[in-house]
Each structure stands twice: as structure tokens, then as C-alpha cells.
Amino acid sequence: MIVPIKNFLKGFLKYYTPSYLFQKIPSMIIIETTNICNLRCPVCPTTIDMHRSRGFMDFDLYKSIIDEFDGHKKKPEIAMNFSGEPMLHKNIYKFVEYASKKGHRTYISTNVTAMNEKNSKEMINSGLSDIHLCIDGFSNKSHDTYRIGSDFKDIKRNIETFIKAKKSLNSSSPNVIIQTLLTSLSENEKEDMIKWASDIGANSIDFKSFNLGSYTSGEIKEKYSYLLPSDKKFRRHKSNNFKSYCTIPYHQALVYWNGDLGLCCTDFDKKVKMPNIRNNGGFLKTLFSKEVIDIRKKGLNKKYDICSGCSIGNADYMGYNYSFEKNEKSKGVLHS
């Protein structure tokens, strides 16, 4: 009985997706504060596949998005990173504080290169809910080979500085997640990283599976194939149980730094063209317009070229999170 019901639901989503389903407040809005990054990770789309203009979101545009949820009981979570390094934005603390004070949960993922004691305290005092501190290995060789432009010892020190600052302020937030990509160079360093992250007082650690990206050329795939983990479980590959639909365009929204809407967290280079919220009456009016709903419906049904190679919506295994508070490992789709 279960299989026929599942088949019915798949058919229903494919041929009849009511527009009213897309007129609900998204559970999360990804706001690209900037698409500029100071690192050159070899298979990151920001490094090799971004051809659109680069810049920083201005505060007035950001504020206009947040203000639209005044009076709403349910407020979306706000993730202030996408394809760039958010701590390069001079107003990032102001961004976080504004949304946090208005009742939104706020998230940031950072490469930690710009972090120091002073701005760590600014970030903690801003009301940030969760911060992902990225360190892709636990040695100079493993980390610096992938995180080109940064130094392992500096990153390790900066992470420790942030957590010390949180302790000195006696703050329970933000929730600190150490995040790492598991490559062939770092997969054997997991236990060392778990011990270190626990010792310094992180809340948890994310181990993300690794792939070479659907956006990379055959030449780049060949050049960096040595980074693929020997444990094939940690190679992010397509699921054998391929889903004919993707719910990300339904429950998540994306705004690029210049105000253009984006389809989803896979569209780094804005392959799917969507209108700008500045020119169309604001965020919600644009998101709920017929033009955008029709685009999101197609995304739900994986009708775009970017959908077929997506390493998130089609992934069999995204990695796992180890919580030090619960002392347990949980499998799940982690932050991209």
C-alpha cells in the first residue's frame, strides 16, 4: 500500500502542483551578503564557475527584506552566506544584529581567515544563532592543499580565539559548529579533529562528504581526482534512489547580493534567471508572483539543467554531524 501512495504523490507533484503551496513563507532565506571570497579552493564554484558580477549587498536592501516579516508570527531563518566570505562585509555584524533583534534565527558559515578577538566578540554580541567555522583538515598538508590562500595554524588559532571569546563573554550563543570537508588528505584525521573540537568547547562538528562538482570540466576533475576520499562513503555521489522532485525551491528562498532572486542553493552562477526584488515590489511580492512561482514549480520537478548534476538534491550521503552535547553521531543533510 505504501508504494502506490508514494507513486501517487510523485505523479501529483509532477503534473499538478497547486500555486498556493508556493505562497507560504519559506522556512529559510539565504541572503548572499557578498559573492567575493579571499580563498581559491580548487573545486569551489566561486573559484572556477562564477561569471556574474561580484559585490556586496547594501544594508538598505537587506533591511527591506527583514522588515517584510514585521507582524508575522512565523519568521524565516536567515543564512547570511552563499558563495562568498560573509566576514569580508564591513556591515556583517549590523546585518546579524538587525535580523536577530527582530526574532529571526541567524546563521553564518565562515572560512575564519578574517577572525580575531575583537570581531569575534562583535559577532557574538550581535545575537548570532549558529556559526559554522570551516577548517578542511587537521594539518598544513590536508588543509592548505584545499583551502588555497589560508594557513592551517592561523585557522586553528582563529577558531580557538572565537570560542575563548564566547567563554569570556559567558554567552550561550552562537551554537559553534566546526565544519570540514573530508578529502583523501583529511579523512584519516577525523578522530584528531573530534578530540580537538571537543577539547576547545565547540558544540558539534560536521564532516561533509566531498565531490568534484557538476560544474567542473573533465580536465579539472582529472587534475583534482586525487582529493576524492578512499572511503567511497564520503564521496558525494548520486543516490541510487533518484528522486523525481526537489523540495528546496518550495521551502527555501535565495536572494543574491544585488537583489535578484535565485532558484536554490545550487545555482551559484545564476543560471536560472529570476526577477529583482527592488524592481518588483519587494521580496514577498516578487517571490509570490506568478512568474517566480512557475519557475519554482519547475525547480520542484527538476526541470532545469542544474538539477541533474546537483550534488545536494541528488546526494546519497552528505556526511554527518557529531554532537558533543548529546555525545552522538547523526547522519543528515548538512549546510552547503
C-alpha atoms as a PDB file:
ATOM      1  CA  MET A   1       0.000   0.000   0.000  1.00  0.00           C
ATOM      2  CA  ILE A   2       2.879   2.383   0.790  1.00  0.00           C
ATOM      3  CA  VAL A   3       4.451   2.144  -2.698  1.00  0.00           C
ATOM      4  CA  PRO A   4       1.242   3.076  -4.621  1.00  0.00           C
ATOM      5  CA  ILE A   5       0.767   6.096  -2.322  1.00  0.00           C
ATOM      6  CA  LYS A   6       4.347   7.241  -2.946  1.00  0.00           C
ATOM      7  CA  ASN A   7       3.860   6.837  -6.699  1.00  0.00           C
ATOM      8  CA  PHE A   8       0.632   8.805  -6.499  1.00  0.00           C
ATOM      9  CA  LEU A   9       2.372  11.657  -4.654  1.00  0.00           C
ATOM     10  CA  LYS A  10       5.189  11.732  -7.209  1.00  0.00           C
ATOM     11  CA  GLY A  11       2.673  11.931 -10.034  1.00  0.00           C
ATOM     12  CA  PHE A  12       0.686  14.604  -8.210  1.00  0.00           C
ATOM     13  CA  LEU A  13       3.789  16.786  -7.728  1.00  0.00           C
ATOM     14  CA  LYS A  14       4.889  16.270 -11.317  1.00  0.00           C
ATOM     15  CA  TYR A  15       1.637  17.091 -13.093  1.00  0.00           C
ATOM     16  CA  TYR A  16      -0.300  19.184 -10.603  1.00  0.00           C
ATOM     17  CA  THR A  17       1.496  21.477  -8.183  1.00  0.00           C
ATOM     18  CA  PRO A  18      -1.003  23.997  -6.754  1.00  0.00           C
ATOM     19  CA  SER A  19       0.302  27.575  -6.761  1.00  0.00           C
ATOM     20  CA  TYR A  20      -0.955  28.198  -3.230  1.00  0.00           C
ATOM     21  CA  LEU A  21       1.710  25.799  -1.928  1.00  0.00           C
ATOM     22  CA  PHE A  22       4.292  28.373  -3.038  1.00  0.00           C
ATOM     23  CA  GLN A  23       2.565  31.289  -1.322  1.00  0.00           C
ATOM     24  CA  LYS A  24       3.788  30.342   2.128  1.00  0.00           C
ATOM     25  CA  ILE A  25       6.648  31.978   3.984  1.00  0.00           C
ATOM     26  CA  PRO A  26       9.852  29.993   3.288  1.00  0.00           C
ATOM     27  CA  SER A  27      11.436  28.338   6.294  1.00  0.00           C
ATOM     28  CA  MET A  28      14.836  29.780   5.344  1.00  0.00           C
ATOM     29  CA  ILE A  29      16.099  32.679   3.272  1.00  0.00           C
ATOM     30  CA  ILE A  30      19.680  32.512   2.045  1.00  0.00           C
ATOM     31  CA  ILE A  31      20.900  36.080   1.746  1.00  0.00           C
ATOM     32  CA  GLU A  32      24.102  36.489  -0.215  1.00  0.00           C
ATOM     33  CA  THR A  33      25.794  39.306   1.682  1.00  0.00           C
ATOM     34  CA  THR A  34      28.666  39.015  -0.811  1.00  0.00           C
ATOM     35  CA  ASN A  35      29.927  36.684  -3.530  1.00  0.00           C
ATOM     36  CA  ILE A  36      33.528  37.784  -3.027  1.00  0.00           C
ATOM     37  CA  CYS A  37      35.918  35.326  -1.399  1.00  0.00           C
ATOM     38  CA  ASN A  38      39.554  35.686  -0.393  1.00  0.00           C
ATOM     39  CA  LEU A  39      40.358  31.979  -0.903  1.00  0.00           C
ATOM     40  CA  ARG A  40      40.672  29.903  -4.087  1.00  0.00           C
ATOM     41  CA  CYS A  41      39.530  26.413  -3.166  1.00  0.00           C
ATOM     42  CA  PRO A  42      40.229  24.343  -6.313  1.00  0.00           C
ATOM     43  CA  VAL A  43      36.786  22.823  -6.983  1.00  0.00           C
ATOM     44  CA  CYS A  44      34.607  25.528  -5.426  1.00  0.00           C
ATOM     45  CA  PRO A  45      32.150  27.094  -7.904  1.00  0.00           C
ATOM     46  CA  THR A  46      33.095  30.567  -6.650  1.00  0.00           C
ATOM     47  CA  THR A  47      36.632  29.903  -7.885  1.00  0.00           C
ATOM     48  CA  ILE A  48      36.001  28.180 -11.206  1.00  0.00           C
ATOM     49  CA  ASP A  49      32.430  28.721 -12.393  1.00  0.00           C
ATOM     50  CA  MET A  50      31.254  32.188 -11.396  1.00  0.00           C
ATOM     51  CA  HIS A  51      30.889  34.633 -14.276  1.00  0.00           C
ATOM     52  CA  ARG A  52      28.352  37.057 -12.791  1.00  0.00           C
ATOM     53  CA  SER A  53      29.327  40.408 -11.325  1.00  0.00           C
ATOM     54  CA  ARG A  54      30.657  40.497  -7.775  1.00  0.00           C
ATOM     55  CA  GLY A  55      29.828  42.853  -4.964  1.00  0.00           C
ATOM     56  CA  PHE A  56      28.371  43.431  -1.501  1.00  0.00           C
ATOM     57  CA  MET A  57      24.698  43.711  -0.547  1.00  0.00           C
ATOM     58  CA  ASP A  58      23.804  47.149   0.764  1.00  0.00           C
ATOM     59  CA  PHE A  59      22.148  47.400   4.159  1.00  0.00           C
ATOM     60  CA  ASP A  60      19.000  49.136   2.900  1.00  0.00           C
ATOM     61  CA  LEU A  61      18.219  46.204   0.588  1.00  0.00           C
ATOM     62  CA  TYR A  62      18.867  43.706   3.373  1.00  0.00           C
ATOM     63  CA  LYS A  63      16.779  45.723   5.839  1.00  0.00           C
ATOM     64  CA  SER A  64      13.855  45.837   3.399  1.00  0.00           C
ATOM     65  CA  ILE A  65      13.788  42.014   3.271  1.00  0.00           C
ATOM     66  CA  ILE A  66      13.835  41.605   7.055  1.00  0.00           C
ATOM     67  CA  ASP A  67      11.230  44.348   7.585  1.00  0.00           C
ATOM     68  CA  GLU A  68       8.681  42.491   5.444  1.00  0.00           C
ATOM     69  CA  PHE A  69       8.266  39.964   8.253  1.00  0.00           C
ATOM     70  CA  ASP A  70       7.264  42.503  10.894  1.00  0.00           C
ATOM     71  CA  GLY A  71       3.999  41.275  12.362  1.00  0.00           C
ATOM     72  CA  HIS A  72       4.476  37.702  11.153  1.00  0.00           C
ATOM     73  CA  LYS A  73       4.394  35.106  13.924  1.00  0.00           C
ATOM     74  CA  LYS A  74       6.480  32.698  11.888  1.00  0.00           C
ATOM     75  CA  LYS A  75       9.767  34.237  10.808  1.00  0.00           C
ATOM     76  CA  PRO A  76      12.144  32.532   8.386  1.00  0.00           C
ATOM     77  CA  GLU A  77      15.663  31.619   9.403  1.00  0.00           C
ATOM     78  CA  ILE A  78      18.271  33.865   7.802  1.00  0.00           C
ATOM     79  CA  ALA A  79      21.515  32.390   6.445  1.00  0.00           C
ATOM     80  CA  MET A  80      23.936  35.206   5.595  1.00  0.00           C
ATOM     81  CA  ASN A  81      26.313  33.367   3.325  1.00  0.00           C
ATOM     82  CA  PHE A  82      26.158  31.697  -0.034  1.00  0.00           C
ATOM     83  CA  SER A  83      29.040  31.920  -2.479  1.00  0.00           C
ATOM     84  CA  GLY A  84      31.354  34.396  -0.744  1.00  0.00           C
ATOM     85  CA  GLU A  85      33.008  35.034   2.618  1.00  0.00           C
ATOM     86  CA  PRO A  86      30.493  36.958   4.791  1.00  0.00           C
ATOM     87  CA  MET A  87      33.103  38.329   7.190  1.00  0.00           C
ATOM     88  CA  LEU A  88      34.576  40.401   4.351  1.00  0.00           C
ATOM     89  CA  HIS A  89      31.400  42.516   4.511  1.00  0.00           C
ATOM     90  CA  LYS A  90      32.052  45.552   6.703  1.00  0.00           C
ATOM     91  CA  ASN A  91      28.437  45.575   7.941  1.00  0.00           C
ATOM     92  CA  ILE A  92      28.035  41.848   8.638  1.00  0.00           C
ATOM     93  CA  TYR A  93      27.625  42.391  12.397  1.00  0.00           C
ATOM     94  CA  LYS A  94      24.950  45.012  11.701  1.00  0.00           C
ATOM     95  CA  PHE A  95      23.179  42.554   9.377  1.00  0.00           C
ATOM     96  CA  VAL A  96      23.162  39.813  12.007  1.00  0.00           C
ATOM     97  CA  GLU A  97      22.063  42.106  14.826  1.00  0.00           C
ATOM     98  CA  TYR A  98      19.182  43.583  12.815  1.00  0.00           C
ATOM     99  CA  ALA A  99      17.631  40.201  11.978  1.00  0.00           C
ATOM    100  CA  SER A 100      18.336  38.708  15.410  1.00  0.00           C
ATOM    101  CA  LYS A 101      16.624  41.573  17.235  1.00  0.00           C
ATOM    102  CA  LYS A 102      13.577  41.074  15.024  1.00  0.00           C
ATOM    103  CA  GLY A 103      13.235  37.448  16.097  1.00  0.00           C
ATOM    104  CA  HIS A 104      14.936  35.565  13.259  1.00  0.00           C
ATOM    105  CA  ARG A 105      17.362  32.708  13.817  1.00  0.00           C
ATOM    106  CA  THR A 106      20.583  33.699  12.071  1.00  0.00           C
ATOM    107  CA  TYR A 107      23.350  31.611  10.546  1.00  0.00           C
ATOM    108  CA  ILE A 108      26.824  32.241   9.145  1.00  0.00           C
ATOM    109  CA  SER A 109      29.454  29.959   7.661  1.00  0.00           C
ATOM    110  CA  THR A 110      32.962  31.420   7.520  1.00  0.00           C
ATOM    111  CA  ASN A 111      36.439  30.423   6.389  1.00  0.00           C
ATOM    112  CA  VAL A 112      37.720  32.120   9.586  1.00  0.00           C
ATOM    113  CA  THR A 113      40.591  33.930   7.839  1.00  0.00           C
ATOM    114  CA  ALA A 114      39.371  37.380   8.962  1.00  0.00           C
ATOM    115  CA  MET A 115      38.539  36.370  12.527  1.00  0.00           C
ATOM    116  CA  ASN A 116      40.251  37.878  15.572  1.00  0.00           C
ATOM    117  CA  GLU A 117      39.376  38.531  19.208  1.00  0.00           C
ATOM    118  CA  LYS A 118      37.745  41.911  18.548  1.00  0.00           C
ATOM    119  CA  ASN A 119      35.438  40.882  15.715  1.00  0.00           C
ATOM    120  CA  SER A 120      34.720  37.551  17.406  1.00  0.00           C
ATOM    121  CA  LYS A 121      33.196  39.479  20.302  1.00  0.00           C
ATOM    122  CA  GLU A 122      31.291  41.712  17.869  1.00  0.00           C
ATOM    123  CA  MET A 123      29.828  38.649  16.182  1.00  0.00           C
ATOM    124  CA  ILE A 124      28.893  37.000  19.487  1.00  0.00           C
ATOM    125  CA  ASN A 125      27.254  40.194  20.772  1.00  0.00           C
ATOM    126  CA  SER A 126      25.270  40.582  17.536  1.00  0.00           C
ATOM    127  CA  GLY A 127      22.910  37.779  18.596  1.00  0.00           C
ATOM    128  CA  LEU A 128      24.013  35.220  16.010  1.00  0.00           C
ATOM    129  CA  SER A 129      22.295  31.841  16.494  1.00  0.00           C
ATOM    130  CA  ASP A 130      24.699  29.457  14.728  1.00  0.00           C
ATOM    131  CA  ILE A 131      28.169  29.775  13.255  1.00  0.00           C
ATOM    132  CA  HIS A 132      29.977  27.224  11.086  1.00  0.00           C
ATOM    133  CA  LEU A 133      33.747  27.596  11.437  1.00  0.00           C
ATOM    134  CA  CYS A 134      35.395  25.894   8.469  1.00  0.00           C
ATOM    135  CA  ILE A 135      38.700  24.037   8.656  1.00  0.00           C
ATOM    136  CA  ASP A 136      39.252  21.460   5.912  1.00  0.00           C
ATOM    137  CA  GLY A 137      41.824  19.218   7.524  1.00  0.00           C
ATOM    138  CA  PHE A 138      43.957  18.973  10.622  1.00  0.00           C
ATOM    139  CA  SER A 139      47.439  19.528   9.200  1.00  0.00           C
ATOM    140  CA  ASN A 140      49.123  22.024   6.907  1.00  0.00           C
ATOM    141  CA  LYS A 141      49.154  19.476   4.093  1.00  0.00           C
ATOM    142  CA  SER A 142      45.478  18.497   4.235  1.00  0.00           C
ATOM    143  CA  HIS A 143      44.078  21.947   4.974  1.00  0.00           C
ATOM    144  CA  ASP A 144      46.286  24.225   2.869  1.00  0.00           C
ATOM    145  CA  THR A 145      46.150  21.978  -0.212  1.00  0.00           C
ATOM    146  CA  TYR A 146      42.411  22.583  -0.454  1.00  0.00           C
ATOM    147  CA  ARG A 147      41.931  25.944   1.315  1.00  0.00           C
ATOM    148  CA  ILE A 148      44.291  27.764  -1.020  1.00  0.00           C
ATOM    149  CA  GLY A 149      45.192  31.161   0.390  1.00  0.00           C
ATOM    150  CA  SER A 150      44.912  30.279   4.069  1.00  0.00           C
ATOM    151  CA  ASP A 151      47.198  28.710   6.653  1.00  0.00           C
ATOM    152  CA  PHE A 152      46.157  25.802   8.870  1.00  0.00           C
ATOM    153  CA  LYS A 153      47.846  27.124  12.008  1.00  0.00           C
ATOM    154  CA  ASP A 154      46.186  30.542  11.599  1.00  0.00           C
ATOM    155  CA  ILE A 155      42.751  28.993  11.044  1.00  0.00           C
ATOM    156  CA  LYS A 156      43.105  26.690  14.046  1.00  0.00           C
ATOM    157  CA  ARG A 157      44.196  29.627  16.224  1.00  0.00           C
ATOM    158  CA  ASN A 158      41.345  31.852  14.978  1.00  0.00           C
ATOM    159  CA  ILE A 159      38.740  29.179  15.773  1.00  0.00           C
ATOM    160  CA  GLU A 160      40.172  28.768  19.275  1.00  0.00           C
ATOM    161  CA  THR A 161      40.129  32.574  19.669  1.00  0.00           C
ATOM    162  CA  PHE A 162      36.426  32.708  18.769  1.00  0.00           C
ATOM    163  CA  ILE A 163      35.469  30.035  21.298  1.00  0.00           C
ATOM    164  CA  LYS A 164      37.602  31.677  24.014  1.00  0.00           C
ATOM    165  CA  ALA A 165      35.818  34.968  23.297  1.00  0.00           C
ATOM    166  CA  LYS A 166      32.448  33.261  23.649  1.00  0.00           C
ATOM    167  CA  LYS A 167      33.514  31.816  27.009  1.00  0.00           C
ATOM    168  CA  SER A 168      34.902  35.162  28.218  1.00  0.00           C
ATOM    169  CA  LEU A 169      31.546  36.794  27.468  1.00  0.00           C
ATOM    170  CA  ASN A 170      29.748  33.944  29.261  1.00  0.00           C
ATOM    171  CA  SER A 171      27.478  33.649  26.235  1.00  0.00           C
ATOM    172  CA  SER A 172      25.396  30.582  25.399  1.00  0.00           C
ATOM    173  CA  SER A 173      25.233  31.604  21.742  1.00  0.00           C
ATOM    174  CA  PRO A 174      26.063  31.223  18.989  1.00  0.00           C
ATOM    175  CA  ASN A 175      25.985  27.473  18.611  1.00  0.00           C
ATOM    176  CA  VAL A 176      29.509  26.670  17.343  1.00  0.00           C
ATOM    177  CA  ILE A 177      29.846  24.015  14.632  1.00  0.00           C
ATOM    178  CA  ILE A 178      33.282  23.070  13.338  1.00  0.00           C
ATOM    179  CA  GLN A 179      32.863  22.159   9.671  1.00  0.00           C
ATOM    180  CA  THR A 180      35.212  20.184   7.446  1.00  0.00           C
ATOM    181  CA  LEU A 181      35.195  18.600   4.003  1.00  0.00           C
ATOM    182  CA  LEU A 182      36.551  15.071   4.039  1.00  0.00           C
ATOM    183  CA  THR A 183      39.142  14.685   1.279  1.00  0.00           C
ATOM    184  CA  SER A 184      41.713  11.954   0.738  1.00  0.00           C
ATOM    185  CA  LEU A 185      44.129  14.099   2.758  1.00  0.00           C
ATOM    186  CA  SER A 186      41.867  14.661   5.762  1.00  0.00           C
ATOM    187  CA  GLU A 187      39.719  11.514   6.035  1.00  0.00           C
ATOM    188  CA  ASN A 188      42.217   9.899   8.427  1.00  0.00           C
ATOM    189  CA  GLU A 189      42.277  12.989  10.660  1.00  0.00           C
ATOM    190  CA  LYS A 190      38.664  12.694  11.833  1.00  0.00           C
ATOM    191  CA  GLU A 191      39.452  11.386  15.322  1.00  0.00           C
ATOM    192  CA  ASP A 192      42.074  14.100  15.932  1.00  0.00           C
ATOM    193  CA  MET A 193      39.572  16.736  14.845  1.00  0.00           C
ATOM    194  CA  ILE A 194      36.815  15.362  17.061  1.00  0.00           C
ATOM    195  CA  LYS A 195      39.097  15.397  20.104  1.00  0.00           C
ATOM    196  CA  TRP A 196      40.335  18.936  19.390  1.00  0.00           C
ATOM    197  CA  ALA A 197      36.845  20.316  18.725  1.00  0.00           C
ATOM    198  CA  SER A 198      35.559  18.750  21.934  1.00  0.00           C
ATOM    199  CA  ASP A 199      38.513  19.984  23.992  1.00  0.00           C
ATOM    200  CA  ILE A 200      38.178  23.610  22.911  1.00  0.00           C
ATOM    201  CA  GLY A 201      34.429  23.702  23.588  1.00  0.00           C
ATOM    202  CA  ALA A 202      32.684  23.501  20.204  1.00  0.00           C
ATOM    203  CA  ASN A 203      29.079  22.321  20.285  1.00  0.00           C
ATOM    204  CA  SER A 204      29.485  19.891  17.402  1.00  0.00           C
ATOM    205  CA  ILE A 205      31.497  19.029  14.315  1.00  0.00           C
ATOM    206  CA  ASP A 206      30.222  18.483  10.763  1.00  0.00           C
ATOM    207  CA  PHE A 207      32.039  16.114   8.423  1.00  0.00           C
ATOM    208  CA  LYS A 208      30.872  16.812   4.883  1.00  0.00           C
ATOM    209  CA  SER A 209      31.235  14.368   2.041  1.00  0.00           C
ATOM    210  CA  PHE A 210      33.275  15.559  -0.939  1.00  0.00           C
ATOM    211  CA  ASN A 211      32.748  15.633  -4.680  1.00  0.00           C
ATOM    212  CA  LEU A 212      34.330  17.319  -7.686  1.00  0.00           C
ATOM    213  CA  GLY A 213      31.218  19.268  -8.649  1.00  0.00           C
ATOM    214  CA  SER A 214      28.868  19.037 -11.611  1.00  0.00           C
ATOM    215  CA  TYR A 215      30.175  22.431 -12.775  1.00  0.00           C
ATOM    216  CA  THR A 216      33.812  21.310 -13.185  1.00  0.00           C
ATOM    217  CA  SER A 217      35.357  20.406 -16.527  1.00  0.00           C
ATOM    218  CA  GLY A 218      36.776  16.974 -17.281  1.00  0.00           C
ATOM    219  CA  GLU A 219      40.269  18.461 -17.042  1.00  0.00           C
ATOM    220  CA  ILE A 220      39.655  19.810 -13.520  1.00  0.00           C
ATOM    221  CA  LYS A 221      38.029  16.560 -12.417  1.00  0.00           C
ATOM    222  CA  GLU A 222      41.104  14.664 -13.583  1.00  0.00           C
ATOM    223  CA  LYS A 223      43.517  17.161 -12.010  1.00  0.00           C
ATOM    224  CA  TYR A 224      41.882  17.002  -8.573  1.00  0.00           C
ATOM    225  CA  SER A 225      40.613  13.418  -8.553  1.00  0.00           C
ATOM    226  CA  TYR A 226      43.343  12.615  -6.010  1.00  0.00           C
ATOM    227  CA  LEU A 227      41.320  14.576  -3.433  1.00  0.00           C
ATOM    228  CA  LEU A 228      38.461  12.056  -3.535  1.00  0.00           C
ATOM    229  CA  PRO A 229      38.375  10.089  -0.246  1.00  0.00           C
ATOM    230  CA  SER A 230      39.459   6.459  -0.412  1.00  0.00           C
ATOM    231  CA  ASP A 231      36.389   5.641   1.700  1.00  0.00           C
ATOM    232  CA  LYS A 232      33.785   5.837  -1.059  1.00  0.00           C
ATOM    233  CA  LYS A 233      31.075   6.536   1.502  1.00  0.00           C
ATOM    234  CA  PHE A 234      32.496  10.041   1.784  1.00  0.00           C
ATOM    235  CA  ARG A 235      32.370  10.669  -1.953  1.00  0.00           C
ATOM    236  CA  ARG A 236      29.199  12.619  -2.525  1.00  0.00           C
ATOM    237  CA  HIS A 237      27.573  10.745  -5.380  1.00  0.00           C
ATOM    238  CA  LYS A 238      24.107  10.480  -6.788  1.00  0.00           C
ATOM    239  CA  SER A 239      21.619   8.437  -4.856  1.00  0.00           C
ATOM    240  CA  ASN A 240      20.546   5.104  -6.287  1.00  0.00           C
ATOM    241  CA  ASN A 241      17.039   6.129  -5.284  1.00  0.00           C
ATOM    242  CA  PHE A 242      16.879   9.178  -7.559  1.00  0.00           C
ATOM    243  CA  LYS A 243      14.020  11.470  -6.594  1.00  0.00           C
ATOM    244  CA  SER A 244      11.934  12.980  -9.363  1.00  0.00           C
ATOM    245  CA  TYR A 245      11.324  16.138  -7.349  1.00  0.00           C
ATOM    246  CA  CYS A 246      13.246  18.503  -5.060  1.00  0.00           C
ATOM    247  CA  THR A 247      11.616  20.376  -2.182  1.00  0.00           C
ATOM    248  CA  ILE A 248      14.351  23.025  -1.806  1.00  0.00           C
ATOM    249  CA  PRO A 249      12.649  25.609  -4.099  1.00  0.00           C
ATOM    250  CA  TYR A 250       9.488  25.132  -2.034  1.00  0.00           C
ATOM    251  CA  HIS A 251      10.779  25.719   1.499  1.00  0.00           C
ATOM    252  CA  GLN A 252      13.878  27.848   0.823  1.00  0.00           C
ATOM    253  CA  ALA A 253      14.478  31.188  -0.900  1.00  0.00           C
ATOM    254  CA  LEU A 254      17.663  32.809  -2.164  1.00  0.00           C
ATOM    255  CA  VAL A 255      18.487  36.481  -2.710  1.00  0.00           C
ATOM    256  CA  TYR A 256      21.729  37.383  -4.500  1.00  0.00           C
ATOM    257  CA  TRP A 257      23.755  40.383  -3.314  1.00  0.00           C
ATOM    258  CA  ASN A 258      22.228  42.702  -5.944  1.00  0.00           C
ATOM    259  CA  GLY A 259      18.609  41.807  -5.141  1.00  0.00           C
ATOM    260  CA  ASP A 260      17.967  39.177  -7.814  1.00  0.00           C
ATOM    261  CA  LEU A 261      16.050  36.143  -6.608  1.00  0.00           C
ATOM    262  CA  GLY A 262      17.703  32.750  -7.043  1.00  0.00           C
ATOM    263  CA  LEU A 263      16.149  29.328  -7.506  1.00  0.00           C
ATOM    264  CA  CYS A 264      18.141  27.390  -4.915  1.00  0.00           C
ATOM    265  CA  CYS A 265      21.448  26.853  -3.127  1.00  0.00           C
ATOM    266  CA  THR A 266      22.937  25.068  -6.171  1.00  0.00           C
ATOM    267  CA  ASP A 267      22.574  27.983  -8.599  1.00  0.00           C
ATOM    268  CA  PHE A 268      25.890  29.693  -7.817  1.00  0.00           C
ATOM    269  CA  ASP A 269      26.169  31.411 -11.189  1.00  0.00           C
ATOM    270  CA  LYS A 270      22.530  32.414 -11.611  1.00  0.00           C
ATOM    271  CA  LYS A 271      21.820  30.006 -14.460  1.00  0.00           C
ATOM    272  CA  VAL A 272      18.074  30.281 -13.803  1.00  0.00           C
ATOM    273  CA  LYS A 273      17.062  33.895 -14.420  1.00  0.00           C
ATOM    274  CA  MET A 274      14.653  35.381 -11.885  1.00  0.00           C
ATOM    275  CA  PRO A 275      13.467  38.971 -11.272  1.00  0.00           C
ATOM    276  CA  ASN A 276      14.984  41.524  -8.916  1.00  0.00           C
ATOM    277  CA  ILE A 277      13.080  42.335  -5.736  1.00  0.00           C
ATOM    278  CA  ARG A 278      13.972  46.045  -5.977  1.00  0.00           C
ATOM    279  CA  ASN A 279      12.016  46.437  -9.207  1.00  0.00           C
ATOM    280  CA  ASN A 280       9.021  44.257  -8.387  1.00  0.00           C
ATOM    281  CA  GLY A 281       7.537  45.497  -5.123  1.00  0.00           C
ATOM    282  CA  GLY A 282       9.813  43.786  -2.601  1.00  0.00           C
ATOM    283  CA  PHE A 283      10.795  40.293  -1.539  1.00  0.00           C
ATOM    284  CA  LEU A 284       7.456  38.611  -0.807  1.00  0.00           C
ATOM    285  CA  LYS A 285       5.570  40.206  -3.695  1.00  0.00           C
ATOM    286  CA  THR A 286       8.275  39.055  -6.100  1.00  0.00           C
ATOM    287  CA  LEU A 287       8.558  35.578  -4.546  1.00  0.00           C
ATOM    288  CA  PHE A 288       4.790  35.054  -4.750  1.00  0.00           C
ATOM    289  CA  SER A 289       4.417  36.421  -8.295  1.00  0.00           C
ATOM    290  CA  LYS A 290       3.143  34.060 -10.997  1.00  0.00           C
ATOM    291  CA  GLU A 291       6.444  34.324 -12.885  1.00  0.00           C
ATOM    292  CA  VAL A 292       8.503  33.223  -9.893  1.00  0.00           C
ATOM    293  CA  ILE A 293       6.025  30.556  -8.734  1.00  0.00           C
ATOM    294  CA  ASP A 294       6.158  28.982 -12.205  1.00  0.00           C
ATOM    295  CA  ILE A 295       9.978  28.926 -12.020  1.00  0.00           C
ATOM    296  CA  ARG A 296       9.924  27.398  -8.541  1.00  0.00           C
ATOM    297  CA  LYS A 297       7.437  24.745  -9.715  1.00  0.00           C
ATOM    298  CA  LYS A 298       9.855  23.746 -12.473  1.00  0.00           C
ATOM    299  CA  GLY A 299      12.601  23.587  -9.867  1.00  0.00           C
ATOM    300  CA  LEU A 300      10.469  21.360  -7.665  1.00  0.00           C
ATOM    301  CA  ASN A 301      10.114  18.982 -10.612  1.00  0.00           C
ATOM    302  CA  LYS A 302      13.823  19.220 -11.556  1.00  0.00           C
ATOM    303  CA  LYS A 303      13.223  20.730 -14.967  1.00  0.00           C
ATOM    304  CA  TYR A 304      16.449  22.743 -15.151  1.00  0.00           C
ATOM    305  CA  ASP A 305      19.893  21.636 -16.336  1.00  0.00           C
ATOM    306  CA  ILE A 306      21.444  22.459 -12.938  1.00  0.00           C
ATOM    307  CA  CYS A 307      19.100  19.937 -11.301  1.00  0.00           C
ATOM    308  CA  SER A 308      20.514  16.858 -13.000  1.00  0.00           C
ATOM    309  CA  GLY A 309      24.022  17.402 -11.663  1.00  0.00           C
ATOM    310  CA  CYS A 310      23.074  18.838  -8.279  1.00  0.00           C
ATOM    311  CA  SER A 311      25.303  17.463  -5.532  1.00  0.00           C
ATOM    312  CA  ILE A 312      22.766  18.271  -2.805  1.00  0.00           C
ATOM    313  CA  GLY A 313      19.288  17.329  -4.014  1.00  0.00           C
ATOM    314  CA  ASN A 314      20.592  14.107  -5.594  1.00  0.00           C
ATOM    315  CA  ALA A 315      23.168  13.168  -2.959  1.00  0.00           C
ATOM    316  CA  ASP A 316      23.120   9.740  -1.387  1.00  0.00           C
ATOM    317  CA  TYR A 317      25.240  10.835   1.581  1.00  0.00           C
ATOM    318  CA  MET A 318      26.048  14.404   2.623  1.00  0.00           C
ATOM    319  CA  GLY A 319      28.075  13.485   5.690  1.00  0.00           C
ATOM    320  CA  TYR A 320      27.366  13.507   9.400  1.00  0.00           C
ATOM    321  CA  ASN A 321      27.318  15.721  12.482  1.00  0.00           C
ATOM    322  CA  TYR A 322      28.864  14.701  15.795  1.00  0.00           C
ATOM    323  CA  SER A 323      27.268  16.464  18.754  1.00  0.00           C
ATOM    324  CA  PHE A 324      29.410  16.805  21.891  1.00  0.00           C
ATOM    325  CA  GLU A 325      26.391  17.772  23.975  1.00  0.00           C
ATOM    326  CA  LYS A 326      24.469  14.632  23.012  1.00  0.00           C
ATOM    327  CA  ASN A 327      27.637  12.559  22.531  1.00  0.00           C
ATOM    328  CA  GLU A 328      26.214  11.048  19.374  1.00  0.00           C
ATOM    329  CA  LYS A 329      26.652  10.972  15.616  1.00  0.00           C
ATOM    330  CA  SER A 330      23.748  11.806  13.335  1.00  0.00           C
ATOM    331  CA  LYS A 331      23.506  11.425   9.577  1.00  0.00           C
ATOM    332  CA  GLY A 332      21.830  14.234   7.737  1.00  0.00           C
ATOM    333  CA  VAL A 333      21.954  16.840   5.015  1.00  0.00           C
ATOM    334  CA  LEU A 334      24.393  19.427   6.262  1.00  0.00           C
ATOM    335  CA  HIS A 335      24.930  23.046   5.266  1.00  0.00           C
ATOM    336  CA  SER A 336      26.412  23.506   1.848  1.00  0.00           C
END
